[in-house]
């Protein structure tokens, strides 16, 4: 479901489905984890569900960043070359650049 996209009214290509994690209680009293999916085009999409799904996506990204930071630190502490890799986890410039046009009219 992660591969479905739609174009919003502003012309942005938006991922259509987003998961979120929820703990539910079964009739036997046992608690289980479920993954539910929201549909960004669903006119009945509840704000709370959208917020949970989008915050869950952010949490996944933060987890990936933490793991990458651990890998970089391990490499820097243990590589035989005596060299270091620096990685910025400030994505502000990346986001700004990604919003720039890729087609330049009139050139």
N, C-alpha and C. Protein backbone atom coordinates (compact mmCIF):
# COMPACT_ATOMS: atom_id res chain seq x y z
N UNK A 1 0.82 -1.21 0.00
CA UNK A 1 0.00 0.00 0.00
C UNK A 1 0.86 1.26 0.00
N UNK A 2 2.13 1.10 0.29
CA UNK A 2 3.02 2.26 0.33
C UNK A 2 3.33 2.82 -1.05
N UNK A 3 2.95 2.13 -2.10
CA UNK A 3 3.32 2.58 -3.45
C UNK A 3 2.20 3.36 -4.14
N UNK A 4 1.06 3.49 -3.48
CA UNK A 4 -0.06 4.23 -4.08
C UNK A 4 0.10 5.72 -3.79
N UNK A 5 -0.03 6.53 -4.85
CA UNK A 5 0.05 7.98 -4.73
C UNK A 5 -1.14 8.63 -5.43
N UNK A 6 -1.41 9.86 -5.06
CA UNK A 6 -2.41 10.66 -5.76
C UNK A 6 -1.89 12.08 -5.83
N UNK A 7 -2.50 12.87 -6.71
CA UNK A 7 -2.12 14.28 -6.83
C UNK A 7 -3.17 15.10 -6.10
N UNK A 8 -2.72 15.91 -5.13
CA UNK A 8 -3.66 16.72 -4.36
C UNK A 8 -4.06 17.96 -5.15
N UNK A 9 -5.04 18.73 -4.66
CA UNK A 9 -5.51 19.92 -5.40
C UNK A 9 -4.41 20.95 -5.68
N UNK A 10 -3.32 20.93 -4.89
CA UNK A 10 -2.22 21.88 -5.11
C UNK A 10 -1.18 21.32 -6.07
N UNK A 11 -1.40 20.11 -6.58
CA UNK A 11 -0.49 19.52 -7.55
C UNK A 11 0.64 18.69 -6.95
N UNK A 12 0.58 18.42 -5.64
CA UNK A 12 1.62 17.63 -4.99
C UNK A 12 1.33 16.15 -5.13
N UNK A 13 2.38 15.36 -5.34
CA UNK A 13 2.23 13.91 -5.35
C UNK A 13 2.32 13.43 -3.90
N UNK A 14 1.24 12.84 -3.42
CA UNK A 14 1.09 12.49 -2.00
C UNK A 14 0.90 10.99 -1.86
N UNK A 15 1.60 10.41 -0.89
CA UNK A 15 1.37 9.00 -0.61
C UNK A 15 -0.05 8.82 -0.09
N UNK A 16 -0.79 7.90 -0.68
CA UNK A 16 -2.21 7.72 -0.38
C UNK A 16 -2.46 7.02 0.95
N UNK A 17 -1.70 6.00 1.27
CA UNK A 17 -1.95 5.20 2.47
C UNK A 17 -0.79 5.35 3.46
N UNK A 18 -1.15 5.46 4.73
CA UNK A 18 -0.17 5.58 5.81
C UNK A 18 -0.59 4.68 6.96
N UNK A 19 0.35 3.91 7.52
CA UNK A 19 0.00 3.03 8.64
C UNK A 19 0.15 3.73 9.99
N UNK A 20 -0.55 3.19 10.95
CA UNK A 20 -0.29 3.55 12.34
C UNK A 20 -0.50 2.31 13.21
N UNK A 21 0.15 2.32 14.34
CA UNK A 21 0.12 1.18 15.25
C UNK A 21 -0.90 1.44 16.35
N UNK A 22 -1.64 0.41 16.66
CA UNK A 22 -2.64 0.53 17.72
C UNK A 22 -2.64 -0.75 18.55
N UNK A 23 -2.77 -0.61 19.86
CA UNK A 23 -2.88 -1.76 20.75
C UNK A 23 -4.37 -1.95 21.03
N UNK A 24 -4.86 -3.16 20.77
CA UNK A 24 -6.28 -3.44 21.01
C UNK A 24 -6.41 -4.60 21.98
N UNK A 25 -7.50 -4.58 22.73
CA UNK A 25 -7.78 -5.66 23.67
C UNK A 25 -8.74 -6.65 23.02
N UNK A 26 -8.35 -7.91 23.03
CA UNK A 26 -9.19 -8.97 22.49
C UNK A 26 -10.25 -9.36 23.52
N UNK A 27 -11.30 -10.05 23.08
CA UNK A 27 -12.34 -10.47 24.03
C UNK A 27 -11.81 -11.30 25.21
N UNK A 28 -10.69 -12.00 25.00
CA UNK A 28 -10.12 -12.81 26.09
C UNK A 28 -9.26 -11.98 27.04
N UNK A 29 -9.19 -10.67 26.83
CA UNK A 29 -8.42 -9.79 27.70
C UNK A 29 -6.98 -9.59 27.27
N UNK A 30 -6.52 -10.36 26.30
CA UNK A 30 -5.15 -10.23 25.81
C UNK A 30 -5.04 -8.98 24.92
N UNK A 31 -3.91 -8.30 25.02
CA UNK A 31 -3.66 -7.13 24.20
C UNK A 31 -2.74 -7.50 23.04
N UNK A 32 -3.09 -7.03 21.85
CA UNK A 32 -2.28 -7.29 20.67
C UNK A 32 -2.06 -5.99 19.91
N UNK A 33 -0.97 -5.97 19.18
CA UNK A 33 -0.63 -4.81 18.37
C UNK A 33 -1.20 -5.02 16.97
N UNK A 34 -1.86 -3.99 16.46
CA UNK A 34 -2.38 -4.03 15.09
C UNK A 34 -1.82 -2.84 14.32
N UNK A 35 -1.69 -3.02 13.02
CA UNK A 35 -1.35 -1.91 12.16
C UNK A 35 -2.56 -1.60 11.30
N UNK A 36 -3.02 -0.39 11.39
CA UNK A 36 -4.15 0.08 10.61
C UNK A 36 -3.64 1.08 9.59
N UNK A 37 -4.36 1.24 8.50
CA UNK A 37 -3.93 2.14 7.43
C UNK A 37 -4.99 3.20 7.22
N UNK A 38 -4.54 4.44 7.06
CA UNK A 38 -5.46 5.51 6.69
C UNK A 38 -5.33 5.73 5.19
N UNK A 39 -6.37 6.26 4.61
CA UNK A 39 -6.39 6.64 3.20
C UNK A 39 -6.53 8.15 3.16
N UNK A 40 -5.51 8.83 2.67
CA UNK A 40 -5.49 10.30 2.68
C UNK A 40 -6.62 10.91 1.83
N UNK A 41 -7.20 10.13 0.92
CA UNK A 41 -8.29 10.64 0.10
C UNK A 41 -9.66 10.32 0.68
N UNK A 42 -9.71 9.60 1.77
CA UNK A 42 -10.98 9.22 2.38
C UNK A 42 -11.66 10.47 2.94
N UNK A 43 -12.83 10.83 2.44
CA UNK A 43 -13.50 12.04 2.95
C UNK A 43 -13.91 11.91 4.41
N UNK A 44 -13.98 10.67 4.93
CA UNK A 44 -14.36 10.46 6.33
C UNK A 44 -13.14 10.24 7.24
N UNK A 45 -11.94 10.51 6.73
CA UNK A 45 -10.73 10.33 7.53
C UNK A 45 -10.79 11.23 8.76
N UNK A 46 -10.62 10.60 9.92
CA UNK A 46 -10.63 11.35 11.18
C UNK A 46 -9.27 12.01 11.39
N UNK A 47 -9.31 13.23 11.91
CA UNK A 47 -8.07 13.97 12.18
C UNK A 47 -7.15 13.17 13.10
N UNK A 48 -7.69 12.54 14.13
CA UNK A 48 -6.89 11.80 15.09
C UNK A 48 -6.15 10.65 14.42
N UNK A 49 -6.81 9.96 13.49
CA UNK A 49 -6.16 8.86 12.78
C UNK A 49 -5.05 9.37 11.88
N UNK A 50 -5.31 10.49 11.19
CA UNK A 50 -4.28 11.08 10.32
C UNK A 50 -3.08 11.51 11.15
N UNK A 51 -3.33 12.12 12.30
CA UNK A 51 -2.24 12.56 13.17
C UNK A 51 -1.42 11.37 13.67
N UNK A 52 -2.10 10.30 14.09
CA UNK A 52 -1.39 9.11 14.57
C UNK A 52 -0.52 8.52 13.46
N UNK A 53 -1.07 8.42 12.26
CA UNK A 53 -0.32 7.83 11.15
C UNK A 53 0.88 8.68 10.76
N UNK A 54 0.69 9.98 10.67
CA UNK A 54 1.80 10.85 10.26
C UNK A 54 2.86 10.95 11.36
N UNK A 55 2.45 10.96 12.62
CA UNK A 55 3.43 10.95 13.72
C UNK A 55 4.17 9.62 13.76
N UNK A 56 3.49 8.52 13.45
CA UNK A 56 4.14 7.21 13.40
C UNK A 56 5.21 7.21 12.31
N UNK A 57 4.89 7.81 11.15
CA UNK A 57 5.88 7.93 10.08
C UNK A 57 7.11 8.70 10.54
N UNK A 58 6.89 9.78 11.28
CA UNK A 58 8.01 10.56 11.81
C UNK A 58 8.85 9.74 12.79
N UNK A 59 8.17 8.95 13.62
CA UNK A 59 8.87 8.11 14.59
C UNK A 59 9.75 7.07 13.88
N UNK A 60 9.26 6.52 12.77
CA UNK A 60 10.05 5.56 12.00
C UNK A 60 11.31 6.23 11.44
N UNK A 61 11.16 7.45 10.93
CA UNK A 61 12.30 8.19 10.39
C UNK A 61 13.32 8.46 11.49
N UNK A 62 12.85 8.87 12.67
CA UNK A 62 13.75 9.14 13.79
C UNK A 62 14.50 7.87 14.19
N UNK A 63 13.83 6.72 14.17
CA UNK A 63 14.49 5.45 14.48
C UNK A 63 15.57 5.12 13.47
N UNK A 64 15.29 5.37 12.19
CA UNK A 64 16.30 5.15 11.15
C UNK A 64 17.50 6.07 11.37
N UNK A 65 17.24 7.33 11.75
CA UNK A 65 18.33 8.27 12.00
C UNK A 65 19.18 7.82 13.18
N UNK A 66 18.53 7.34 14.23
CA UNK A 66 19.28 6.86 15.40
C UNK A 66 20.18 5.69 15.01
N UNK A 67 19.66 4.76 14.21
CA UNK A 67 20.45 3.62 13.80
C UNK A 67 21.61 4.04 12.90
N UNK A 68 21.36 4.98 12.00
CA UNK A 68 22.43 5.49 11.14
C UNK A 68 23.50 6.17 11.97
N UNK A 69 23.10 6.97 12.98
CA UNK A 69 24.06 7.64 13.85
C UNK A 69 24.94 6.62 14.57
N UNK A 70 24.34 5.54 15.04
CA UNK A 70 25.09 4.47 15.70
C UNK A 70 26.10 3.85 14.74
N UNK A 71 25.67 3.61 13.49
CA UNK A 71 26.57 3.03 12.49
C UNK A 71 27.73 3.96 12.17
N UNK A 72 27.44 5.26 12.03
CA UNK A 72 28.49 6.23 11.74
C UNK A 72 29.48 6.29 12.91
N UNK A 73 28.97 6.34 14.13
CA UNK A 73 29.86 6.40 15.30
C UNK A 73 30.74 5.15 15.38
N UNK A 74 30.16 3.99 15.12
CA UNK A 74 30.94 2.76 15.15
C UNK A 74 32.02 2.77 14.09
N UNK A 75 31.67 3.19 12.88
CA UNK A 75 32.66 3.27 11.80
C UNK A 75 33.78 4.23 12.20
N UNK A 76 33.40 5.41 12.68
CA UNK A 76 34.40 6.41 13.04
C UNK A 76 35.32 5.93 14.16
N UNK A 77 34.81 5.17 15.08
CA UNK A 77 35.62 4.67 16.18
C UNK A 77 36.48 3.47 15.80
N UNK A 78 36.09 2.75 14.74
CA UNK A 78 36.74 1.46 14.49
C UNK A 78 37.35 1.27 13.10
N UNK A 79 37.23 2.24 12.20
CA UNK A 79 37.78 2.00 10.86
C UNK A 79 39.30 2.08 10.88
N UNK A 80 39.93 1.28 10.04
CA UNK A 80 41.40 1.18 10.03
C UNK A 80 42.06 2.33 9.27
N UNK A 81 41.27 3.20 8.64
CA UNK A 81 41.82 4.27 7.82
C UNK A 81 42.11 5.54 8.63
N UNK A 82 41.58 5.60 9.84
CA UNK A 82 41.77 6.79 10.65
C UNK A 82 41.01 7.99 10.10
N UNK A 83 39.99 7.73 9.32
CA UNK A 83 39.18 8.81 8.74
C UNK A 83 37.81 8.80 9.39
N UNK A 84 37.12 9.92 9.21
CA UNK A 84 35.83 10.08 9.85
C UNK A 84 34.78 10.49 8.83
N UNK A 85 33.57 10.07 9.10
CA UNK A 85 32.42 10.46 8.30
C UNK A 85 31.55 11.33 9.18
N UNK A 86 31.17 12.49 8.65
CA UNK A 86 30.25 13.36 9.36
C UNK A 86 28.93 13.36 8.62
N UNK A 87 27.85 13.18 9.35
CA UNK A 87 26.51 13.21 8.76
C UNK A 87 25.66 14.17 9.57
N UNK A 88 25.02 15.08 8.87
CA UNK A 88 24.10 16.01 9.53
C UNK A 88 22.71 15.39 9.60
N UNK A 89 22.08 15.54 10.73
CA UNK A 89 20.72 15.07 10.88
C UNK A 89 19.73 16.24 10.87
N UNK A 90 20.21 17.40 10.42
CA UNK A 90 19.34 18.55 10.21
C UNK A 90 18.92 18.51 8.74
N UNK A 91 17.67 18.21 8.49
CA UNK A 91 17.19 18.02 7.13
C UNK A 91 16.53 19.27 6.54
N UNK A 92 16.67 20.41 7.21
CA UNK A 92 16.00 21.63 6.75
C UNK A 92 16.43 22.00 5.32
N UNK A 93 17.73 21.97 5.05
CA UNK A 93 18.20 22.31 3.71
C UNK A 93 17.76 21.29 2.68
N UNK A 94 17.76 20.02 3.05
CA UNK A 94 17.31 18.97 2.13
C UNK A 94 15.84 19.18 1.76
N UNK A 95 15.02 19.50 2.76
CA UNK A 95 13.60 19.72 2.52
C UNK A 95 13.39 20.94 1.64
N UNK A 96 14.14 22.00 1.93
CA UNK A 96 14.04 23.22 1.13
C UNK A 96 14.41 22.95 -0.33
N UNK A 97 15.50 22.22 -0.52
CA UNK A 97 15.95 21.90 -1.87
C UNK A 97 14.93 21.02 -2.60
N UNK A 98 14.32 20.08 -1.88
CA UNK A 98 13.36 19.18 -2.52
C UNK A 98 12.10 19.90 -2.98
N UNK A 99 11.85 21.09 -2.45
CA UNK A 99 10.67 21.86 -2.83
C UNK A 99 10.93 22.81 -3.99
N UNK A 100 12.16 22.84 -4.47
CA UNK A 100 12.49 23.70 -5.60
C UNK A 100 11.97 23.08 -6.90
N UNK A 101 11.61 23.91 -7.87
CA UNK A 101 11.11 23.38 -9.14
C UNK A 101 12.20 22.61 -9.88
N UNK A 102 11.77 21.61 -10.61
CA UNK A 102 12.71 20.83 -11.43
C UNK A 102 12.57 21.17 -12.90
N UNK A 103 11.56 21.96 -13.23
CA UNK A 103 11.35 22.41 -14.60
C UNK A 103 11.38 23.93 -14.58
N UNK A 104 12.14 24.51 -15.47
CA UNK A 104 12.29 25.95 -15.51
C UNK A 104 11.70 26.47 -16.81
N UNK A 105 10.51 27.10 -16.74
CA UNK A 105 9.86 27.56 -17.96
C UNK A 105 10.63 28.69 -18.63
N UNK A 106 10.57 28.70 -19.96
CA UNK A 106 11.15 29.80 -20.72
C UNK A 106 12.63 29.75 -20.91
N UNK A 107 13.29 28.69 -20.56
CA UNK A 107 14.74 28.62 -20.76
C UNK A 107 15.07 27.81 -21.98
